[in-house]
Structures are given as structure tokens and as C-alpha cells.
């Protein structure tokens, strides 16, 4: 089923993945207004990676594929800055973008039917799950003890896309991949490339 909606957009220099959490500090008036509206109505907004332009001031162009963001925690500081934590929901495709009078971007989007959330991790990618466990334990990530999720192919792919040392454009490429096994293979190839570079002696 095709689901279309119009949502406010928050272009950022980072990629939000479904199921991932992202802390944000809100201080621009246009985004304070947007977050206030979302808190009041329960509406979600779209996070998309900036392709050109800046986060602060003016307008920015963003990539076509982004992620719906749901506010799960917030706190207003004495200096007026709003601190929020959002959680990635469903991916979307940006069909049309425009600006409101207050320079807030909004877009007409089509939600993307994601892969089977319960797809089991194939044995050939078990090393990726093991690597994610090691990273989660080392950095004491919030999901380190959620053992059952480490057998979920979609979840493992998204979490590794977040935590591996990748450029923003590389993370965006992983977000845009529709097939879960294709995403896992891209991650495995990237890890092998880095490992090969580290093992190559300097000439």
C-alpha cells in the first residue's frame, strides 16, 4: 500500500536509521516552532542528510531518502535551548520540497515499505552480529544486552551502519539500499576493505 504524507523536514549533516536514536539541540526559532508543534500534536518529522547547504541558517538541499523521526525525550534548558532525543521510524522518499514563510522546509513524501523486520540473520553474516556485540559492549551502548535482536538481519544492518567509522555519504548509501542482504553485503565489503588497507604495509 502506498502511503503519502506531508511532513516538516530537518536537514542535518548526519543520517538517522530506523530504530536508531539521535540527540539534537534545537535553538533556531523555525525548529523550536516545529518541535513545539510536533510535541503538541504527536506529529513526526523527517530527518534527511544535507547534500548542499548548511544546517544553521538559510536553506539546505537534502538527499531523496530520509527517515521519519519520533520525539521520545525532551528537556528545555534555562537558556531556551531545547534538547530532544528522536528515534528513527520508517524510511521515506522525498517527492517534493518547499519552504514555509518561516524558512522551515516541508516535503511531500512517500513511505517506503521496509524489509521484513523479523528476517533472521543468515549464518554467513554471523560475524557482523559478533562485531556489533563487541562494539556495543566496548562502548556500553543501550542495546548491548538485547540479545534476541542480534539475530535480526534488518536490525544488525542498521546498527552497524550507525556505529562503523563511515563517511556520511556512505551511511546514506546504506540507508538507500532496499534489500537487507544487499545492505549486509555492502557492510561486509566495507569492513574487508578497511581490514585489507590496515594489513597492507607502507611502501
N, C-alpha and C. Protein backbone atom coordinates (compact mmCIF):
# COMPACT_ATOMS: atom_id res chain seq x y z
N UNK A 1 0.84 -1.19 0.00
CA UNK A 1 0.00 0.00 0.00
C UNK A 1 0.88 1.25 0.00
N UNK A 2 0.57 2.19 -0.88
CA UNK A 2 1.34 3.43 -0.97
C UNK A 2 0.78 4.44 0.02
N UNK A 3 1.65 4.94 0.90
CA UNK A 3 1.25 5.93 1.89
C UNK A 3 2.01 7.23 1.62
N UNK A 4 1.26 8.30 1.41
CA UNK A 4 1.84 9.61 1.16
C UNK A 4 1.50 10.53 2.32
N UNK A 5 2.37 11.47 2.63
CA UNK A 5 2.09 12.45 3.67
C UNK A 5 2.95 13.68 3.47
N UNK A 6 2.56 14.75 4.11
CA UNK A 6 3.35 15.98 4.12
C UNK A 6 3.90 16.18 5.52
N UNK A 7 5.21 16.36 5.62
CA UNK A 7 5.86 16.45 6.93
C UNK A 7 6.86 17.59 6.95
N UNK A 8 7.14 18.17 8.13
CA UNK A 8 8.25 19.12 8.24
C UNK A 8 9.56 18.36 8.09
N UNK A 9 10.56 19.02 7.54
CA UNK A 9 11.86 18.38 7.30
C UNK A 9 12.94 19.04 8.14
N UNK A 10 13.87 18.23 8.61
CA UNK A 10 15.01 18.72 9.39
C UNK A 10 16.28 18.22 8.70
N UNK A 11 16.82 18.99 7.74
CA UNK A 11 18.07 18.58 7.07
C UNK A 11 19.24 18.64 8.05
N UNK A 12 20.03 17.59 8.11
CA UNK A 12 21.15 17.50 9.04
C UNK A 12 22.39 16.96 8.33
N UNK A 13 23.52 17.11 8.99
CA UNK A 13 24.77 16.55 8.47
C UNK A 13 25.00 15.14 9.02
N UNK A 14 23.94 14.46 9.35
CA UNK A 14 24.04 13.09 9.85
C UNK A 14 22.86 12.29 9.31
N UNK A 15 23.00 10.98 9.36
CA UNK A 15 21.97 10.07 8.85
C UNK A 15 21.28 9.39 10.03
N UNK A 16 19.97 9.40 10.03
CA UNK A 16 19.18 8.69 11.04
C UNK A 16 18.66 7.40 10.42
N UNK A 17 18.87 6.29 11.12
CA UNK A 17 18.40 4.99 10.63
C UNK A 17 17.17 4.55 11.42
N UNK A 18 16.29 3.76 10.81
CA UNK A 18 15.15 3.22 11.55
C UNK A 18 15.63 2.46 12.79
N UNK A 19 15.02 2.77 13.93
CA UNK A 19 15.40 2.12 15.18
C UNK A 19 16.54 2.79 15.90
N UNK A 20 17.21 3.73 15.26
CA UNK A 20 18.33 4.43 15.88
C UNK A 20 17.87 5.65 16.65
N UNK A 21 18.68 6.05 17.61
CA UNK A 21 18.37 7.23 18.41
C UNK A 21 19.38 8.33 18.14
N UNK A 22 18.89 9.57 18.14
CA UNK A 22 19.73 10.71 17.80
C UNK A 22 19.40 11.88 18.73
N UNK A 23 20.38 12.36 19.53
CA UNK A 23 20.15 13.54 20.36
C UNK A 23 20.37 14.81 19.54
N UNK A 24 19.51 15.80 19.74
CA UNK A 24 19.60 17.06 19.00
C UNK A 24 19.41 18.23 19.95
N UNK A 25 20.12 19.32 19.66
CA UNK A 25 19.94 20.57 20.38
C UNK A 25 19.27 21.56 19.45
N UNK A 26 18.12 22.06 19.84
CA UNK A 26 17.31 22.92 18.98
C UNK A 26 17.38 24.35 19.50
N UNK A 27 17.83 25.28 18.63
CA UNK A 27 17.92 26.68 19.06
C UNK A 27 17.40 27.66 18.02
N UNK A 28 17.33 27.26 16.75
CA UNK A 28 16.76 28.14 15.74
C UNK A 28 15.24 28.23 15.93
N UNK A 29 14.71 29.45 15.76
CA UNK A 29 13.28 29.67 16.00
C UNK A 29 12.42 28.75 15.15
N UNK A 30 12.79 28.57 13.87
CA UNK A 30 11.96 27.76 12.98
C UNK A 30 11.86 26.32 13.47
N UNK A 31 12.97 25.80 14.02
CA UNK A 31 12.95 24.42 14.51
C UNK A 31 12.34 24.31 15.90
N UNK A 32 12.48 25.36 16.72
CA UNK A 32 11.78 25.38 18.00
C UNK A 32 10.27 25.33 17.77
N UNK A 33 9.81 26.10 16.78
CA UNK A 33 8.39 26.09 16.44
C UNK A 33 7.96 24.70 15.94
N UNK A 34 8.81 24.10 15.11
CA UNK A 34 8.50 22.79 14.55
C UNK A 34 8.39 21.74 15.65
N UNK A 35 9.38 21.73 16.56
CA UNK A 35 9.37 20.74 17.63
C UNK A 35 8.19 20.96 18.58
N UNK A 36 7.88 22.22 18.86
CA UNK A 36 6.72 22.52 19.71
C UNK A 36 5.44 21.97 19.09
N UNK A 37 5.32 22.14 17.78
CA UNK A 37 4.14 21.63 17.08
C UNK A 37 4.09 20.10 17.13
N UNK A 38 5.25 19.47 16.94
CA UNK A 38 5.31 18.00 16.98
C UNK A 38 4.97 17.47 18.37
N UNK A 39 5.46 18.15 19.41
CA UNK A 39 5.16 17.73 20.77
C UNK A 39 3.67 17.90 21.08
N UNK A 40 3.09 18.95 20.54
CA UNK A 40 1.68 19.23 20.81
C UNK A 40 0.76 18.26 20.09
N UNK A 41 1.12 17.90 18.86
CA UNK A 41 0.24 17.09 18.03
C UNK A 41 0.64 15.63 17.92
N UNK A 42 1.88 15.32 18.32
CA UNK A 42 2.37 13.95 18.17
C UNK A 42 2.88 13.66 16.77
N UNK A 43 2.95 14.69 15.94
CA UNK A 43 3.43 14.51 14.56
C UNK A 43 4.92 14.17 14.54
N UNK A 44 5.31 13.40 13.57
CA UNK A 44 6.71 13.10 13.34
C UNK A 44 7.26 14.06 12.29
N UNK A 45 8.58 14.18 12.24
CA UNK A 45 9.21 15.00 11.20
C UNK A 45 10.25 14.16 10.48
N UNK A 46 10.73 14.69 9.36
CA UNK A 46 11.67 13.94 8.55
C UNK A 46 13.10 14.41 8.73
N UNK A 47 14.01 13.47 8.97
CA UNK A 47 15.44 13.77 9.01
C UNK A 47 16.05 13.30 7.71
N UNK A 48 16.78 14.19 7.04
CA UNK A 48 17.43 13.82 5.79
C UNK A 48 18.82 14.44 5.75
N UNK A 49 19.74 13.72 5.14
CA UNK A 49 21.12 14.18 5.04
C UNK A 49 21.24 15.33 4.06
N UNK A 50 21.97 16.37 4.45
CA UNK A 50 22.18 17.53 3.59
C UNK A 50 23.11 17.17 2.43
N UNK A 51 22.69 17.50 1.23
CA UNK A 51 23.54 17.29 0.06
C UNK A 51 24.26 18.58 -0.33
N UNK A 52 23.65 19.72 -0.01
CA UNK A 52 24.30 21.02 -0.21
C UNK A 52 23.64 22.03 0.71
N UNK A 53 24.45 22.98 1.20
CA UNK A 53 23.93 23.95 2.15
C UNK A 53 24.42 23.67 3.56
N UNK A 54 23.86 24.38 4.53
CA UNK A 54 24.30 24.26 5.91
C UNK A 54 23.13 23.94 6.83
N UNK A 55 23.48 23.37 8.00
CA UNK A 55 22.45 23.06 8.99
C UNK A 55 21.81 24.32 9.56
N UNK A 56 22.65 25.32 9.84
CA UNK A 56 22.19 26.50 10.57
C UNK A 56 22.02 27.68 9.61
N UNK A 57 20.85 28.29 9.62
CA UNK A 57 20.61 29.47 8.80
C UNK A 57 20.37 29.14 7.34
N UNK A 58 19.44 29.83 6.73
CA UNK A 58 19.18 29.63 5.31
C UNK A 58 18.56 28.28 5.01
N UNK A 59 18.64 27.89 3.75
CA UNK A 59 18.04 26.63 3.31
C UNK A 59 19.12 25.64 2.93
N UNK A 60 18.74 24.37 2.88
CA UNK A 60 19.67 23.31 2.52
C UNK A 60 18.95 22.29 1.66
N UNK A 61 19.66 21.76 0.68
CA UNK A 61 19.12 20.67 -0.13
C UNK A 61 19.49 19.35 0.54
N UNK A 62 18.63 18.37 0.39
CA UNK A 62 18.92 17.09 1.04
C UNK A 62 18.68 15.93 0.08
N UNK A 63 19.20 14.78 0.49
CA UNK A 63 19.05 13.57 -0.32
C UNK A 63 17.58 13.13 -0.34
N UNK A 64 17.28 12.31 -1.32
CA UNK A 64 15.89 11.92 -1.57
C UNK A 64 15.34 10.96 -0.51
N UNK A 65 16.21 10.12 0.05
CA UNK A 65 15.77 9.13 1.03
C UNK A 65 16.11 9.62 2.44
N UNK A 66 15.11 9.65 3.30
CA UNK A 66 15.31 10.05 4.69
C UNK A 66 14.55 9.13 5.62
N UNK A 67 14.47 9.53 6.89
CA UNK A 67 13.83 8.69 7.91
C UNK A 67 12.90 9.54 8.78
N UNK A 68 11.72 9.04 9.03
CA UNK A 68 10.81 9.70 9.97
C UNK A 68 11.40 9.67 11.37
N UNK A 69 11.25 10.76 12.10
CA UNK A 69 11.80 10.87 13.45
C UNK A 69 10.66 11.09 14.45
N UNK A 70 10.67 10.29 15.51
CA UNK A 70 9.69 10.42 16.59
C UNK A 70 10.40 10.92 17.83
N UNK A 71 9.88 11.97 18.45
CA UNK A 71 10.49 12.51 19.67
C UNK A 71 10.17 11.58 20.84
N UNK A 72 11.21 11.07 21.51
CA UNK A 72 10.99 10.15 22.63
C UNK A 72 11.42 10.76 23.96
N UNK A 73 12.13 11.89 23.92
CA UNK A 73 12.51 12.57 25.16
C UNK A 73 12.84 14.02 24.83
N UNK A 74 12.59 14.91 25.79
CA UNK A 74 12.92 16.32 25.56
C UNK A 74 13.09 17.05 26.88
N UNK A 75 13.85 18.14 26.81
CA UNK A 75 14.08 18.96 28.00
C UNK A 75 14.44 20.37 27.54
N UNK A 76 13.81 21.37 28.14
CA UNK A 76 14.11 22.76 27.79
C UNK A 76 15.04 23.36 28.82
N UNK A 77 16.20 23.84 28.36
CA UNK A 77 17.19 24.41 29.25
C UNK A 77 16.83 25.84 29.63
N UNK A 78 17.51 26.35 30.66
CA UNK A 78 17.25 27.71 31.13
C UNK A 78 17.58 28.76 30.07
N UNK A 79 18.53 28.42 29.17
CA UNK A 79 18.91 29.39 28.13
C UNK A 79 17.99 29.33 26.91
N UNK A 80 16.93 28.53 26.99
CA UNK A 80 15.97 28.46 25.89
C UNK A 80 16.24 27.37 24.88
N UNK A 81 17.43 26.75 24.95
CA UNK A 81 17.75 25.67 24.02
C UNK A 81 16.94 24.42 24.39
N UNK A 82 16.38 23.78 23.39
CA UNK A 82 15.58 22.58 23.59
C UNK A 82 16.41 21.36 23.23
N UNK A 83 16.57 20.47 24.17
CA UNK A 83 17.30 19.22 23.93
C UNK A 83 16.29 18.10 23.74
N UNK A 84 16.42 17.40 22.63
CA UNK A 84 15.49 16.30 22.35
C UNK A 84 16.27 15.05 21.96
N UNK A 85 15.60 13.93 22.08
CA UNK A 85 16.11 12.66 21.55
C UNK A 85 15.03 12.11 20.63
N UNK A 86 15.43 11.78 19.42
CA UNK A 86 14.46 11.21 18.47
C UNK A 86 14.85 9.77 18.15
N UNK A 87 13.86 9.02 17.74
CA UNK A 87 14.08 7.63 17.33
C UNK A 87 13.62 7.47 15.89
N UNK A 88 14.46 6.86 15.08
CA UNK A 88 14.13 6.66 13.68
C UNK A 88 12.98 5.68 13.51
N UNK A 89 12.06 6.02 12.63
CA UNK A 89 10.91 5.16 12.35
C UNK A 89 11.05 4.60 10.93
N UNK A 90 10.14 4.92 10.06
CA UNK A 90 10.13 4.37 8.71
C UNK A 90 10.91 5.27 7.76
N UNK A 91 11.52 4.66 6.76
CA UNK A 91 12.19 5.43 5.72
C UNK A 91 11.14 6.07 4.80
N UNK A 92 11.54 7.16 4.15
CA UNK A 92 10.64 7.80 3.19
C UNK A 92 11.43 8.26 1.97
N UNK A 93 10.69 8.48 0.89
CA UNK A 93 11.24 9.07 -0.34
C UNK A 93 10.66 10.47 -0.48
N UNK A 94 11.55 11.46 -0.60
CA UNK A 94 11.11 12.85 -0.74
C UNK A 94 10.72 13.11 -2.19
N UNK A 95 9.46 13.46 -2.38
CA UNK A 95 8.94 13.70 -3.73
C UNK A 95 9.00 15.17 -4.11
N UNK A 96 8.70 16.03 -3.15
CA UNK A 96 8.72 17.48 -3.42
C UNK A 96 9.04 18.22 -2.12
N UNK A 97 9.88 19.22 -2.22
CA UNK A 97 10.30 20.00 -1.05
C UNK A 97 10.00 21.48 -1.31
N UNK A 98 9.56 22.16 -0.25
CA UNK A 98 9.29 23.60 -0.35
C UNK A 98 9.55 24.23 1.01
N UNK A 99 9.52 25.56 1.04
CA UNK A 99 9.77 26.27 2.29
C UNK A 99 8.53 27.04 2.72
N UNK A 100 8.27 27.00 4.02
CA UNK A 100 7.21 27.82 4.59
C UNK A 100 7.73 29.25 4.75
N UNK A 101 6.86 30.15 5.17
CA UNK A 101 7.23 31.55 5.33
C UNK A 101 8.34 31.74 6.36
N UNK A 102 8.42 30.85 7.35
CA UNK A 102 9.45 30.96 8.39
C UNK A 102 10.73 30.22 8.03
N UNK A 103 10.89 29.84 6.76
CA UNK A 103 12.07 29.15 6.23
C UNK A 103 12.16 27.69 6.68
N UNK A 104 11.12 27.18 7.30
CA UNK A 104 11.10 25.77 7.65
C UNK A 104 10.76 24.96 6.40
N UNK A 105 11.56 23.93 6.14
CA UNK A 105 11.31 23.09 4.97
C UNK A 105 10.23 22.06 5.30
N UNK A 106 9.40 21.79 4.32
CA UNK A 106 8.45 20.70 4.44
C UNK A 106 8.45 19.94 3.12
N UNK A 107 8.03 18.70 3.18
CA UNK A 107 8.08 17.90 1.97
C UNK A 107 6.91 16.95 1.84
N UNK A 108 6.56 16.65 0.60
CA UNK A 108 5.61 15.59 0.31
C UNK A 108 6.43 14.31 0.16
N UNK A 109 6.12 13.32 0.96
CA UNK A 109 6.94 12.11 0.98
C UNK A 109 6.08 10.87 0.78
N UNK A 110 6.74 9.83 0.31
CA UNK A 110 6.12 8.51 0.19
C UNK A 110 6.86 7.57 1.12
N UNK A 111 6.14 6.93 2.02
CA UNK A 111 6.77 6.00 2.94
C UNK A 111 7.25 4.77 2.19
N UNK A 112 8.39 4.25 2.60
CA UNK A 112 8.98 3.08 1.96
C UNK A 112 8.67 1.85 2.81
N UNK A 113 8.06 0.85 2.18
CA UNK A 113 7.82 -0.41 2.86
C UNK A 113 9.17 -1.07 3.11
N UNK A 114 9.54 -1.14 4.38
CA UNK A 114 10.86 -1.67 4.70
C UNK A 114 10.86 -3.18 4.59
N UNK A 115 12.08 -3.73 4.71
CA UNK A 115 12.25 -5.17 4.65
C UNK A 115 11.52 -5.84 5.81
N UNK A 116 11.40 -7.14 5.74
CA UNK A 116 10.79 -7.92 6.82
C UNK A 116 11.58 -7.70 8.10
N UNK A 117 10.96 -7.05 9.07
CA UNK A 117 11.66 -6.73 10.31
C UNK A 117 12.10 -7.96 11.08
N UNK A 118 11.51 -9.10 10.77
CA UNK A 118 11.82 -10.32 11.54
C UNK A 118 12.75 -11.26 10.78
N UNK A 119 13.32 -10.78 9.68
CA UNK A 119 14.17 -11.66 8.88
C UNK A 119 15.40 -12.08 9.68
N UNK A 120 15.62 -13.38 9.74
CA UNK A 120 16.71 -13.92 10.55
C UNK A 120 18.06 -13.71 9.86
N UNK A 121 19.07 -13.44 10.66
CA UNK A 121 20.41 -13.21 10.13
C UNK A 121 20.99 -14.51 9.59
N UNK A 122 21.38 -14.57 8.31
CA UNK A 122 21.97 -15.78 7.75
C UNK A 122 23.32 -16.08 8.40
N UNK A 123 23.68 -17.35 8.41
CA UNK A 123 24.91 -17.77 9.09
C UNK A 123 26.14 -17.11 8.47
N UNK A 124 26.10 -16.80 7.18
CA UNK A 124 27.27 -16.21 6.53
C UNK A 124 27.54 -14.78 7.00
N UNK A 125 26.57 -14.18 7.67
CA UNK A 125 26.76 -12.82 8.21
C UNK A 125 26.83 -12.80 9.73
N UNK A 126 27.04 -13.97 10.33
CA UNK A 126 27.09 -14.04 11.79
C UNK A 126 28.24 -13.22 12.36
N UNK A 127 29.33 -13.12 11.61
CA UNK A 127 30.48 -12.33 12.09
C UNK A 127 30.10 -10.86 12.25
N UNK A 128 29.16 -10.38 11.44
CA UNK A 128 28.72 -8.99 11.58
C UNK A 128 27.98 -8.80 12.90
N UNK A 129 27.17 -9.77 13.26
CA UNK A 129 26.47 -9.71 14.55
C UNK A 129 27.46 -9.75 15.70
N UNK A 130 28.48 -10.61 15.58
CA UNK A 130 29.50 -10.71 16.63
C UNK A 130 30.25 -9.39 16.77
N UNK A 131 30.56 -8.76 15.64
CA UNK A 131 31.26 -7.47 15.67
C UNK A 131 30.40 -6.41 16.36
N UNK A 132 29.12 -6.39 16.04
CA UNK A 132 28.22 -5.42 16.66
C UNK A 132 28.15 -5.63 18.17
N UNK A 133 28.11 -6.88 18.62
CA UNK A 133 28.11 -7.17 20.06
C UNK A 133 29.36 -6.59 20.72
N UNK A 134 30.51 -6.80 20.08
CA UNK A 134 31.77 -6.31 20.64
C UNK A 134 31.76 -4.79 20.75
N UNK A 135 31.28 -4.13 19.71
CA UNK A 135 31.22 -2.66 19.73
C UNK A 135 30.26 -2.18 20.82
N UNK A 136 29.10 -2.82 20.91
CA UNK A 136 28.10 -2.43 21.91
C UNK A 136 28.63 -2.60 23.33
N UNK A 137 29.37 -3.67 23.56
CA UNK A 137 29.92 -3.91 24.90
C UNK A 137 31.05 -2.94 25.21
N UNK A 138 31.90 -2.68 24.23
CA UNK A 138 33.04 -1.79 24.45
C UNK A 138 32.57 -0.38 24.78
N UNK A 139 31.57 0.10 24.06
CA UNK A 139 31.10 1.48 24.25
C UNK A 139 29.84 1.56 25.11
N UNK A 140 29.45 0.42 25.70
CA UNK A 140 28.30 0.35 26.60
C UNK A 140 27.05 0.98 25.97
N UNK A 141 26.76 0.56 24.76
CA UNK A 141 25.59 1.06 24.06
C UNK A 141 24.32 0.51 24.70
N UNK A 142 23.24 1.24 24.55
CA UNK A 142 22.00 0.92 25.27
C UNK A 142 21.44 -0.45 24.93
N UNK A 143 21.77 -0.96 23.76
CA UNK A 143 21.18 -2.23 23.33
C UNK A 143 22.14 -3.42 23.49
N UNK A 144 23.20 -3.25 24.27
CA UNK A 144 24.20 -4.32 24.35
C UNK A 144 23.64 -5.63 24.90
N UNK A 145 22.60 -5.57 25.72
CA UNK A 145 22.05 -6.78 26.33
C UNK A 145 20.75 -7.25 25.68
N UNK A 146 20.36 -6.62 24.58
CA UNK A 146 19.14 -7.04 23.88
C UNK A 146 19.49 -8.18 22.92
N UNK A 147 19.79 -9.33 23.51
CA UNK A 147 20.43 -10.43 22.78
C UNK A 147 19.62 -10.92 21.58
N UNK A 148 18.29 -10.95 21.70
CA UNK A 148 17.49 -11.51 20.62
C UNK A 148 17.59 -10.68 19.34
N UNK A 149 17.89 -9.39 19.47
CA UNK A 149 17.95 -8.52 18.29
C UNK A 149 19.18 -8.81 17.42
N UNK A 150 20.19 -9.44 18.00
CA UNK A 150 21.41 -9.69 17.25
C UNK A 150 21.24 -10.80 16.21
N UNK A 151 20.06 -11.42 16.19
CA UNK A 151 19.76 -12.41 15.16
C UNK A 151 18.84 -11.83 14.09
N UNK A 152 18.52 -10.54 14.20
CA UNK A 152 17.62 -9.87 13.26
C UNK A 152 18.46 -9.17 12.19
N UNK A 153 18.31 -9.60 10.95
CA UNK A 153 19.16 -9.11 9.86
C UNK A 153 18.98 -7.61 9.62
N UNK A 154 17.74 -7.14 9.66
CA UNK A 154 17.47 -5.72 9.42
C UNK A 154 18.09 -4.87 10.52
N UNK A 155 17.87 -5.27 11.76
CA UNK A 155 18.36 -4.52 12.92
C UNK A 155 19.89 -4.47 12.94
N UNK A 156 20.54 -5.60 12.71
CA UNK A 156 22.01 -5.65 12.71
C UNK A 156 22.56 -4.73 11.62
N UNK A 157 21.94 -4.76 10.45
CA UNK A 157 22.41 -3.92 9.35
C UNK A 157 22.32 -2.44 9.66
N UNK A 158 21.20 -2.03 10.24
CA UNK A 158 21.03 -0.61 10.57
C UNK A 158 21.98 -0.18 11.69
N UNK A 159 22.15 -1.02 12.72
CA UNK A 159 23.00 -0.63 13.85
C UNK A 159 24.47 -0.55 13.41
N UNK A 160 24.92 -1.46 12.58
CA UNK A 160 26.30 -1.38 12.09
C UNK A 160 26.47 -0.16 11.19
N UNK A 161 25.47 0.17 10.42
CA UNK A 161 25.53 1.36 9.57
C UNK A 161 25.73 2.62 10.41
N UNK A 162 25.21 2.61 11.64
CA UNK A 162 25.34 3.75 12.55
C UNK A 162 26.72 3.83 13.18
N UNK A 163 27.24 2.68 13.64
CA UNK A 163 28.41 2.72 14.53
C UNK A 163 29.75 2.57 13.83
N UNK A 164 29.76 2.03 12.63
CA UNK A 164 31.03 1.88 11.92
C UNK A 164 31.57 3.24 11.50
N UNK A 165 32.90 3.38 11.43
CA UNK A 165 33.51 4.67 11.06
C UNK A 165 33.37 4.94 9.56
N UNK A 166 32.22 5.42 9.16
CA UNK A 166 31.92 5.68 7.76
C UNK A 166 31.67 7.16 7.53
N UNK A 167 31.89 7.61 6.31
CA UNK A 167 31.52 8.96 5.94
C UNK A 167 29.99 9.06 5.85
N UNK A 168 29.47 10.26 6.00
CA UNK A 168 28.02 10.44 5.95
C UNK A 168 27.43 9.95 4.64
N UNK A 169 28.15 10.17 3.54
CA UNK A 169 27.65 9.74 2.24
C UNK A 169 27.58 8.21 2.17
N UNK A 170 28.52 7.53 2.84
CA UNK A 170 28.49 6.07 2.86
C UNK A 170 27.30 5.56 3.68
N UNK A 171 27.03 6.24 4.79
CA UNK A 171 25.86 5.87 5.58
C UNK A 171 24.58 6.08 4.77
N UNK A 172 24.54 7.17 4.01
CA UNK A 172 23.37 7.45 3.18
C UNK A 172 23.17 6.34 2.16
N UNK A 173 24.25 5.88 1.56
CA UNK A 173 24.15 4.79 0.58
C UNK A 173 23.54 3.55 1.22
N UNK A 174 23.94 3.26 2.46
CA UNK A 174 23.40 2.09 3.16
C UNK A 174 21.92 2.29 3.48
N UNK A 175 21.54 3.51 3.85
CA UNK A 175 20.14 3.80 4.13
C UNK A 175 19.28 3.59 2.89
N UNK A 176 19.81 3.92 1.74
CA UNK A 176 19.04 3.87 0.50
C UNK A 176 18.86 2.46 -0.04
N UNK A 177 19.63 1.49 0.45
CA UNK A 177 19.52 0.12 -0.03
C UNK A 177 18.22 -0.51 0.48
N UNK A 178 17.43 -1.05 -0.43
CA UNK A 178 16.14 -1.65 -0.04
C UNK A 178 16.27 -3.09 0.44
N UNK A 179 17.19 -3.84 -0.13
CA UNK A 179 17.31 -5.26 0.20
C UNK A 179 18.24 -5.45 1.39
N UNK A 180 17.76 -6.10 2.44
CA UNK A 180 18.53 -6.24 3.67
C UNK A 180 19.82 -7.01 3.45
N UNK A 181 19.80 -8.06 2.63
CA UNK A 181 21.00 -8.85 2.41
C UNK A 181 22.04 -8.06 1.61
N UNK A 182 21.55 -7.24 0.71
CA UNK A 182 22.44 -6.37 -0.06
C UNK A 182 23.14 -5.39 0.87
N UNK A 183 22.38 -4.85 1.85
CA UNK A 183 22.97 -3.93 2.82
C UNK A 183 24.06 -4.63 3.65
N UNK A 184 23.76 -5.84 4.12
CA UNK A 184 24.75 -6.58 4.91
C UNK A 184 26.01 -6.87 4.10
N UNK A 185 25.83 -7.19 2.82
CA UNK A 185 26.99 -7.47 1.98
C UNK A 185 27.83 -6.22 1.77
N UNK A 186 27.18 -5.08 1.59
CA UNK A 186 27.91 -3.81 1.45
C UNK A 186 28.72 -3.52 2.72
N UNK A 187 28.12 -3.78 3.87
CA UNK A 187 28.83 -3.56 5.13
C UNK A 187 30.02 -4.49 5.25
N UNK A 188 29.81 -5.75 4.91
CA UNK A 188 30.89 -6.72 5.00
C UNK A 188 32.03 -6.35 4.05
N UNK A 189 31.69 -5.91 2.85
CA UNK A 189 32.72 -5.49 1.89
C UNK A 189 33.50 -4.29 2.41
N UNK A 190 32.80 -3.34 3.04
CA UNK A 190 33.47 -2.15 3.57
C UNK A 190 34.44 -2.52 4.68
N UNK A 191 34.03 -3.46 5.54
CA UNK A 191 34.90 -3.90 6.63
C UNK A 191 36.13 -4.61 6.07
N UNK A 192 35.93 -5.45 5.06
CA UNK A 192 37.05 -6.16 4.45
C UNK A 192 38.01 -5.20 3.77
N UNK A 193 37.49 -4.15 3.15
CA UNK A 193 38.35 -3.16 2.51
C UNK A 193 39.22 -2.44 3.54
N UNK A 194 38.61 -2.06 4.66
CA UNK A 194 39.37 -1.37 5.72
C UNK A 194 40.42 -2.30 6.30
N UNK A 195 40.04 -3.55 6.53
CA UNK A 195 40.98 -4.54 7.08
C UNK A 195 42.15 -4.75 6.14
N UNK A 196 41.87 -4.83 4.85
CA UNK A 196 42.93 -5.04 3.87
C UNK A 196 43.89 -3.85 3.84
N UNK A 197 43.36 -2.64 3.96
CA UNK A 197 44.21 -1.44 3.97
C UNK A 197 45.11 -1.42 5.20
N UNK A 198 44.57 -1.84 6.34
CA UNK A 198 45.35 -1.84 7.57
C UNK A 198 46.46 -2.88 7.53
N UNK A 199 46.22 -3.97 6.80
CA UNK A 199 47.20 -5.05 6.73
C UNK A 199 48.25 -4.82 5.66
N UNK A 200 48.01 -3.84 4.77
CA UNK A 200 48.96 -3.56 3.69
C UNK A 200 50.11 -2.73 4.24
N UNK A 201 51.35 -3.22 4.15
CA UNK A 201 52.48 -2.45 4.67
C UNK A 201 52.73 -1.20 3.84
N UNK A 202 53.22 -0.16 4.50
CA UNK A 202 53.55 1.07 3.80
C UNK A 202 54.67 0.81 2.81
N UNK A 203 54.54 1.37 1.62
CA UNK A 203 55.57 1.18 0.60
C UNK A 203 56.69 2.18 0.78
